[in-house]
Amino acid sequence: MSFNWGLIADNLPLLLQGALVTVEITAMSVGCGFFIGLLVSLANLSKFTVVRLLAKCYVDIIRGTPLLVQIFLIYFALPMITGQRIDPFIAAVTACSINSGAYVSEIFRAGIQSIDKGQMEAGRSLGLTWGQTMRYIIMPQAFKAIIPPLGNEFIAMLKDSSLVSVIGFEELTRRGQLIIAKTYASFEIWGTVAVIYLIMTVTISQLVGYLERKYSIK
């Protein structure tokens, strides 16, 4: 069996375009998930039982169901309720953001709870409100602690974003499928797709390692 390097060279630009789309949807999803997760983690620490219960239900439901099912619900089921068709890109980002938010919220919660409770008491004794203490004392320390798991979440979402190919969204995996449908060169194309994913994940891992060293708690 010969390896068709020429075929790879011809289709590499299309695959790289798909890789850029993959990075774009991952960055947007984790970015939105960051803010969703922050709000949910704070809700989990709320003194109001109803707020804590709603936050817990959100996390349990999202983490307890597959991302693929969530994508189907938003892209296929939601339009049946609203009567409005959803653009594949919006559906993909929405589903991935909601999914990422549940995991990021747990990362934030663990990071916040890892900070000694005396920090909160010290801030309040200085006359700061709960919100000010969280903003100026707790969160800066917690952020340093959550850099590694946030990096892992970005890598996980980068790979999981391949699931949006099922709704026809042309990211890296979907581009590979379309090229294979025309060329029947499964080994060459899937091998190239795998290498591109590997390069992206290794690059992100190196960046996370750099940030961890730069902002490590001394």
C-alpha atoms as a PDB file:
ATOM      1  CA  MET A   1       0.000   0.000   0.000  1.00  0.00           C
ATOM      2  CA  SER A   2       1.509   3.324  -1.094  1.00  0.00           C
ATOM      3  CA  PHE A   3       1.113   6.538   0.851  1.00  0.00           C
ATOM      4  CA  ASN A   4      -0.177   9.352  -1.369  1.00  0.00           C
ATOM      5  CA  TRP A   5       1.773  12.398  -0.195  1.00  0.00           C
ATOM      6  CA  GLY A   6       0.555  14.411  -3.182  1.00  0.00           C
ATOM      7  CA  LEU A   7      -3.049  13.957  -2.100  1.00  0.00           C
ATOM      8  CA  ILE A   8      -2.194  15.247   1.367  1.00  0.00           C
ATOM      9  CA  ALA A   9      -0.384  18.262  -0.069  1.00  0.00           C
ATOM     10  CA  ASP A  10      -3.357  19.082  -2.305  1.00  0.00           C
ATOM     11  CA  ASN A  11      -5.892  18.917   0.521  1.00  0.00           C
ATOM     12  CA  LEU A  12      -3.777  20.283   3.365  1.00  0.00           C
ATOM     13  CA  PRO A  13      -4.943  23.913   2.859  1.00  0.00           C
ATOM     14  CA  LEU A  14      -8.585  22.806   3.243  1.00  0.00           C
ATOM     15  CA  LEU A  15      -7.765  20.843   6.385  1.00  0.00           C
ATOM     16  CA  LEU A  16      -5.853  23.768   7.864  1.00  0.00           C
ATOM     17  CA  GLN A  17      -8.832  26.031   7.197  1.00  0.00           C
ATOM     18  CA  GLY A  18     -10.938  23.500   9.075  1.00  0.00           C
ATOM     19  CA  ALA A  19      -8.403  23.531  11.907  1.00  0.00           C
ATOM     20  CA  LEU A  20      -8.740  27.312  12.190  1.00  0.00           C
ATOM     21  CA  VAL A  21     -12.508  26.924  12.442  1.00  0.00           C
ATOM     22  CA  THR A  22     -11.988  24.288  15.145  1.00  0.00           C
ATOM     23  CA  VAL A  23      -9.782  26.660  17.139  1.00  0.00           C
ATOM     24  CA  GLU A  24     -12.304  29.463  16.638  1.00  0.00           C
ATOM     25  CA  ILE A  25     -15.283  27.484  17.920  1.00  0.00           C
ATOM     26  CA  THR A  26     -13.212  26.106  20.810  1.00  0.00           C
ATOM     27  CA  ALA A  27     -11.996  29.542  21.871  1.00  0.00           C
ATOM     28  CA  MET A  28     -15.490  31.025  21.688  1.00  0.00           C
ATOM     29  CA  SER A  29     -17.045  28.085  23.540  1.00  0.00           C
ATOM     30  CA  VAL A  30     -14.492  28.005  26.355  1.00  0.00           C
ATOM     31  CA  GLY A  31     -14.569  31.813  26.535  1.00  0.00           C
ATOM     32  CA  CYS A  32     -18.343  31.844  26.989  1.00  0.00           C
ATOM     33  CA  GLY A  33     -18.070  28.794  29.236  1.00  0.00           C
ATOM     34  CA  PHE A  34     -15.584  30.713  31.390  1.00  0.00           C
ATOM     35  CA  PHE A  35     -18.139  33.384  32.242  1.00  0.00           C
ATOM     36  CA  ILE A  36     -20.987  30.880  32.580  1.00  0.00           C
ATOM     37  CA  GLY A  37     -18.837  28.755  34.859  1.00  0.00           C
ATOM     38  CA  LEU A  38     -17.806  31.737  36.975  1.00  0.00           C
ATOM     39  CA  LEU A  39     -21.427  32.763  37.531  1.00  0.00           C
ATOM     40  CA  VAL A  40     -22.531  29.205  38.269  1.00  0.00           C
ATOM     41  CA  SER A  41     -19.641  28.619  40.687  1.00  0.00           C
ATOM     42  CA  LEU A  42     -20.580  31.780  42.593  1.00  0.00           C
ATOM     43  CA  ALA A  43     -24.204  30.625  42.578  1.00  0.00           C
ATOM     44  CA  ASN A  44     -23.039  27.334  44.063  1.00  0.00           C
ATOM     45  CA  LEU A  45     -21.505  29.298  46.933  1.00  0.00           C
ATOM     46  CA  SER A  46     -24.597  31.461  47.437  1.00  0.00           C
ATOM     47  CA  LYS A  47     -26.323  31.599  50.815  1.00  0.00           C
ATOM     48  CA  PHE A  48     -29.676  31.208  49.042  1.00  0.00           C
ATOM     49  CA  THR A  49     -30.778  27.582  48.816  1.00  0.00           C
ATOM     50  CA  VAL A  50     -32.816  28.046  45.632  1.00  0.00           C
ATOM     51  CA  VAL A  51     -29.858  29.610  43.803  1.00  0.00           C
ATOM     52  CA  ARG A  52     -27.547  26.793  44.903  1.00  0.00           C
ATOM     53  CA  LEU A  53     -30.114  24.199  43.836  1.00  0.00           C
ATOM     54  CA  LEU A  54     -30.536  25.719  40.361  1.00  0.00           C
ATOM     55  CA  ALA A  55     -26.770  25.856  39.884  1.00  0.00           C
ATOM     56  CA  LYS A  56     -26.391  22.247  41.013  1.00  0.00           C
ATOM     57  CA  CYS A  57     -29.175  21.095  38.678  1.00  0.00           C
ATOM     58  CA  TYR A  58     -27.515  22.829  35.730  1.00  0.00           C
ATOM     59  CA  VAL A  59     -24.146  21.226  36.447  1.00  0.00           C
ATOM     60  CA  ASP A  60     -25.612  17.766  37.055  1.00  0.00           C
ATOM     61  CA  ILE A  61     -27.788  17.820  33.937  1.00  0.00           C
ATOM     62  CA  ILE A  62     -25.095  19.086  31.583  1.00  0.00           C
ATOM     63  CA  ARG A  63     -22.330  16.862  32.968  1.00  0.00           C
ATOM     64  CA  GLY A  64     -24.703  13.905  33.075  1.00  0.00           C
ATOM     65  CA  THR A  65     -25.675  14.033  29.390  1.00  0.00           C
ATOM     66  CA  PRO A  66     -23.443  13.632  26.305  1.00  0.00           C
ATOM     67  CA  LEU A  67     -22.384  16.700  24.373  1.00  0.00           C
ATOM     68  CA  LEU A  68     -23.656  15.027  21.202  1.00  0.00           C
ATOM     69  CA  VAL A  69     -27.187  14.857  22.639  1.00  0.00           C
ATOM     70  CA  GLN A  70     -26.961  18.516  23.690  1.00  0.00           C
ATOM     71  CA  ILE A  71     -25.976  19.471  20.144  1.00  0.00           C
ATOM     72  CA  PHE A  72     -28.945  17.539  18.746  1.00  0.00           C
ATOM     73  CA  LEU A  73     -31.333  19.167  21.228  1.00  0.00           C
ATOM     74  CA  ILE A  74     -30.225  22.682  20.288  1.00  0.00           C
ATOM     75  CA  TYR A  75     -29.952  22.164  16.530  1.00  0.00           C
ATOM     76  CA  PHE A  76     -32.887  19.820  15.873  1.00  0.00           C
ATOM     77  CA  ALA A  77     -35.257  19.939  18.865  1.00  0.00           C
ATOM     78  CA  LEU A  78     -35.161  23.654  19.737  1.00  0.00           C
ATOM     79  CA  PRO A  79     -36.282  24.810  16.246  1.00  0.00           C
ATOM     80  CA  MET A  80     -39.322  22.512  16.572  1.00  0.00           C
ATOM     81  CA  ILE A  81     -40.322  24.502  19.668  1.00  0.00           C
ATOM     82  CA  THR A  82     -39.446  28.003  18.456  1.00  0.00           C
ATOM     83  CA  GLY A  83     -40.264  27.513  14.791  1.00  0.00           C
ATOM     84  CA  GLN A  84     -36.976  29.174  13.861  1.00  0.00           C
ATOM     85  CA  ARG A  85     -34.082  27.382  12.194  1.00  0.00           C
ATOM     86  CA  ILE A  86     -30.750  27.775  13.990  1.00  0.00           C
ATOM     87  CA  ASP A  87     -27.524  28.421  12.114  1.00  0.00           C
ATOM     88  CA  PRO A  88     -25.101  25.482  12.562  1.00  0.00           C
ATOM     89  CA  PHE A  89     -22.353  27.774  13.847  1.00  0.00           C
ATOM     90  CA  ILE A  90     -24.614  29.343  16.485  1.00  0.00           C
ATOM     91  CA  ALA A  91     -25.925  25.917  17.494  1.00  0.00           C
ATOM     92  CA  ALA A  92     -22.398  24.544  17.768  1.00  0.00           C
ATOM     93  CA  VAL A  93     -21.087  27.441  19.873  1.00  0.00           C
ATOM     94  CA  THR A  94     -24.196  27.457  22.080  1.00  0.00           C
ATOM     95  CA  ALA A  95     -24.066  23.738  22.815  1.00  0.00           C
ATOM     96  CA  CYS A  96     -20.319  23.725  23.428  1.00  0.00           C
ATOM     97  CA  SER A  97     -20.502  26.845  25.605  1.00  0.00           C
ATOM     98  CA  ILE A  98     -23.252  25.419  27.794  1.00  0.00           C
ATOM     99  CA  ASN A  99     -21.342  22.158  28.097  1.00  0.00           C
ATOM    100  CA  SER A 100     -18.044  23.868  28.882  1.00  0.00           C
ATOM    101  CA  GLY A 101     -19.701  26.155  31.436  1.00  0.00           C
ATOM    102  CA  ALA A 102     -20.740  23.197  33.586  1.00  0.00           C
ATOM    103  CA  TYR A 103     -17.200  21.833  33.746  1.00  0.00           C
ATOM    104  CA  VAL A 104     -15.591  25.243  34.208  1.00  0.00           C
ATOM    105  CA  SER A 105     -17.958  25.968  37.098  1.00  0.00           C
ATOM    106  CA  GLU A 106     -16.630  22.934  38.946  1.00  0.00           C
ATOM    107  CA  ILE A 107     -13.069  24.032  38.205  1.00  0.00           C
ATOM    108  CA  PHE A 108     -13.821  27.478  39.645  1.00  0.00           C
ATOM    109  CA  ARG A 109     -15.594  26.033  42.667  1.00  0.00           C
ATOM    110  CA  ALA A 110     -12.657  23.778  43.453  1.00  0.00           C
ATOM    111  CA  GLY A 111     -10.227  26.668  42.977  1.00  0.00           C
ATOM    112  CA  ILE A 112     -12.193  28.986  45.246  1.00  0.00           C
ATOM    113  CA  GLN A 113     -12.602  26.345  47.934  1.00  0.00           C
ATOM    114  CA  SER A 114      -8.872  25.606  47.819  1.00  0.00           C
ATOM    115  CA  ILE A 115      -8.192  29.081  49.221  1.00  0.00           C
ATOM    116  CA  ASP A 116      -7.992  29.160  53.004  1.00  0.00           C
ATOM    117  CA  LYS A 117     -11.225  30.393  54.600  1.00  0.00           C
ATOM    118  CA  GLY A 118      -9.152  32.765  56.693  1.00  0.00           C
ATOM    119  CA  GLN A 119      -8.612  34.853  53.548  1.00  0.00           C
ATOM    120  CA  MET A 120     -12.306  35.677  53.406  1.00  0.00           C
ATOM    121  CA  GLU A 121     -12.422  36.422  57.103  1.00  0.00           C
ATOM    122  CA  ALA A 122      -9.377  38.680  56.800  1.00  0.00           C
ATOM    123  CA  GLY A 123     -10.936  40.615  53.945  1.00  0.00           C
ATOM    124  CA  ARG A 124     -14.199  41.093  55.788  1.00  0.00           C
ATOM    125  CA  SER A 125     -12.344  42.211  58.917  1.00  0.00           C
ATOM    126  CA  LEU A 126     -10.681  44.921  56.825  1.00  0.00           C
ATOM    127  CA  GLY A 127     -14.090  46.308  55.929  1.00  0.00           C
ATOM    128  CA  LEU A 128     -14.409  44.766  52.458  1.00  0.00           C
ATOM    129  CA  THR A 129     -17.759  43.411  51.319  1.00  0.00           C
ATOM    130  CA  TRP A 130     -18.150  39.751  50.303  1.00  0.00           C
ATOM    131  CA  GLY A 131     -17.985  40.737  46.640  1.00  0.00           C
ATOM    132  CA  GLN A 132     -14.913  42.925  47.102  1.00  0.00           C
ATOM    133  CA  THR A 133     -13.146  40.184  49.035  1.00  0.00           C
ATOM    134  CA  MET A 134     -13.896  37.678  46.267  1.00  0.00           C
ATOM    135  CA  ARG A 135     -12.745  40.101  43.569  1.00  0.00           C
ATOM    136  CA  TYR A 136      -9.539  41.410  45.116  1.00  0.00           C
ATOM    137  CA  ILE A 137      -8.370  38.582  47.384  1.00  0.00           C
ATOM    138  CA  ILE A 138      -9.954  35.206  46.622  1.00  0.00           C
ATOM    139  CA  MET A 139     -10.324  35.179  42.826  1.00  0.00           C
ATOM    140  CA  PRO A 140      -6.749  36.284  41.949  1.00  0.00           C
ATOM    141  CA  GLN A 141      -5.387  33.416  44.029  1.00  0.00           C
ATOM    142  CA  ALA A 142      -7.980  30.952  42.740  1.00  0.00           C
ATOM    143  CA  PHE A 143      -7.233  31.874  39.133  1.00  0.00           C
ATOM    144  CA  LYS A 144      -3.609  30.843  39.533  1.00  0.00           C
ATOM    145  CA  ALA A 145      -4.715  27.497  40.906  1.00  0.00           C
ATOM    146  CA  ILE A 146      -7.142  26.759  38.066  1.00  0.00           C
ATOM    147  CA  ILE A 147      -4.836  27.469  35.121  1.00  0.00           C
ATOM    148  CA  PRO A 148      -3.906  23.769  34.598  1.00  0.00           C
ATOM    149  CA  PRO A 149      -7.496  22.408  34.721  1.00  0.00           C
ATOM    150  CA  LEU A 150      -8.698  25.259  32.497  1.00  0.00           C
ATOM    151  CA  GLY A 151      -6.027  24.286  30.001  1.00  0.00           C
ATOM    152  CA  ASN A 152      -7.231  20.692  30.158  1.00  0.00           C
ATOM    153  CA  GLU A 153     -10.792  21.863  29.541  1.00  0.00           C
ATOM    154  CA  PHE A 154      -9.645  23.804  26.459  1.00  0.00           C
ATOM    155  CA  ILE A 155      -7.891  20.717  25.097  1.00  0.00           C
ATOM    156  CA  ALA A 156     -10.906  18.507  25.848  1.00  0.00           C
ATOM    157  CA  MET A 157     -13.241  20.942  24.089  1.00  0.00           C
ATOM    158  CA  LEU A 158     -10.864  21.204  21.133  1.00  0.00           C
ATOM    159  CA  LYS A 159     -11.266  17.463  20.599  1.00  0.00           C
ATOM    160  CA  ASP A 160     -14.951  17.314  21.525  1.00  0.00           C
ATOM    161  CA  SER A 161     -15.733  20.071  19.026  1.00  0.00           C
ATOM    162  CA  SER A 162     -15.365  17.401  16.336  1.00  0.00           C
ATOM    163  CA  LEU A 163     -18.886  16.299  17.349  1.00  0.00           C
ATOM    164  CA  VAL A 164     -20.399  19.376  15.701  1.00  0.00           C
ATOM    165  CA  SER A 165     -19.566  17.747  12.375  1.00  0.00           C
ATOM    166  CA  VAL A 166     -22.809  15.738  12.787  1.00  0.00           C
ATOM    167  CA  ILE A 167     -24.856  18.882  12.059  1.00  0.00           C
ATOM    168  CA  GLY A 168     -22.817  19.673   8.952  1.00  0.00           C
ATOM    169  CA  PHE A 169     -20.611  22.337  10.496  1.00  0.00           C
ATOM    170  CA  GLU A 170     -17.349  22.313   8.549  1.00  0.00           C
ATOM    171  CA  GLU A 171     -14.610  22.209  11.157  1.00  0.00           C
ATOM    172  CA  LEU A 172     -11.533  19.987  10.840  1.00  0.00           C
ATOM    173  CA  THR A 173     -13.255  16.619  11.205  1.00  0.00           C
ATOM    174  CA  ARG A 174     -16.059  17.520   8.788  1.00  0.00           C
ATOM    175  CA  ARG A 175     -13.542  18.765   6.228  1.00  0.00           C
ATOM    176  CA  GLY A 176     -11.785  15.420   6.499  1.00  0.00           C
ATOM    177  CA  GLN A 177     -15.059  13.566   5.946  1.00  0.00           C
ATOM    178  CA  LEU A 178     -15.875  15.623   2.855  1.00  0.00           C
ATOM    179  CA  ILE A 179     -12.431  15.090   1.343  1.00  0.00           C
ATOM    180  CA  ILE A 180     -12.610  11.331   1.978  1.00  0.00           C
ATOM    181  CA  ALA A 181     -16.043  11.206   0.334  1.00  0.00           C
ATOM    182  CA  LYS A 182     -14.412  12.520  -2.859  1.00  0.00           C
ATOM    183  CA  THR A 183     -11.022  10.785  -2.747  1.00  0.00           C
ATOM    184  CA  TYR A 184     -11.688   7.562  -0.744  1.00  0.00           C
ATOM    185  CA  ALA A 185      -8.256   8.110   0.831  1.00  0.00           C
ATOM    186  CA  SER A 186      -9.278   7.349   4.402  1.00  0.00           C
ATOM    187  CA  PHE A 187      -5.836   6.463   5.719  1.00  0.00           C
ATOM    188  CA  GLU A 188      -4.050   9.523   4.388  1.00  0.00           C
ATOM    189  CA  ILE A 189      -6.737  12.051   5.331  1.00  0.00           C
ATOM    190  CA  TRP A 190      -7.605  10.694   8.768  1.00  0.00           C
ATOM    191  CA  GLY A 191      -3.914  10.349   9.509  1.00  0.00           C
ATOM    192  CA  THR A 192      -3.375  13.991   8.573  1.00  0.00           C
ATOM    193  CA  VAL A 193      -6.386  15.087  10.639  1.00  0.00           C
ATOM    194  CA  ALA A 194      -4.991  13.210  13.641  1.00  0.00           C
ATOM    195  CA  VAL A 195      -1.584  14.866  13.241  1.00  0.00           C
ATOM    196  CA  ILE A 196      -3.177  18.335  13.033  1.00  0.00           C
ATOM    197  CA  TYR A 197      -5.168  17.680  16.212  1.00  0.00           C
ATOM    198  CA  LEU A 198      -2.006  16.433  17.912  1.00  0.00           C
ATOM    199  CA  ILE A 199      -0.053  19.541  16.929  1.00  0.00           C
ATOM    200  CA  MET A 200      -2.833  21.788  18.264  1.00  0.00           C
ATOM    201  CA  THR A 201      -3.165  19.959  21.584  1.00  0.00           C
ATOM    202  CA  VAL A 202       0.602  19.824  22.163  1.00  0.00           C
ATOM    203  CA  THR A 203       0.876  23.552  21.393  1.00  0.00           C
ATOM    204  CA  ILE A 204      -1.881  24.364  23.864  1.00  0.00           C
ATOM    205  CA  SER A 205      -0.281  22.116  26.490  1.00  0.00           C
ATOM    206  CA  GLN A 206       2.993  23.994  26.109  1.00  0.00           C
ATOM    207  CA  LEU A 207       1.207  27.351  26.413  1.00  0.00           C
ATOM    208  CA  VAL A 208      -0.629  26.210  29.551  1.00  0.00           C
ATOM    209  CA  GLY A 209       2.657  25.001  31.012  1.00  0.00           C
ATOM    210  CA  TYR A 210       4.203  28.406  30.373  1.00  0.00           C
ATOM    211  CA  LEU A 211       1.283  30.219  32.015  1.00  0.00           C
ATOM    212  CA  GLU A 212       1.395  27.846  34.968  1.00  0.00           C
ATOM    213  CA  ARG A 213       5.086  28.563  35.520  1.00  0.00           C
ATOM    214  CA  LYS A 214       4.620  32.318  35.055  1.00  0.00           C
ATOM    215  CA  TYR A 215       1.687  32.647  37.432  1.00  0.00           C
ATOM    216  CA  SER A 216       2.527  29.857  39.849  1.00  0.00           C
ATOM    217  CA  ILE A 217       1.871  30.601  43.498  1.00  0.00           C
ATOM    218  CA  LYS A 218       5.220  31.069  45.255  1.00  0.00           C
END
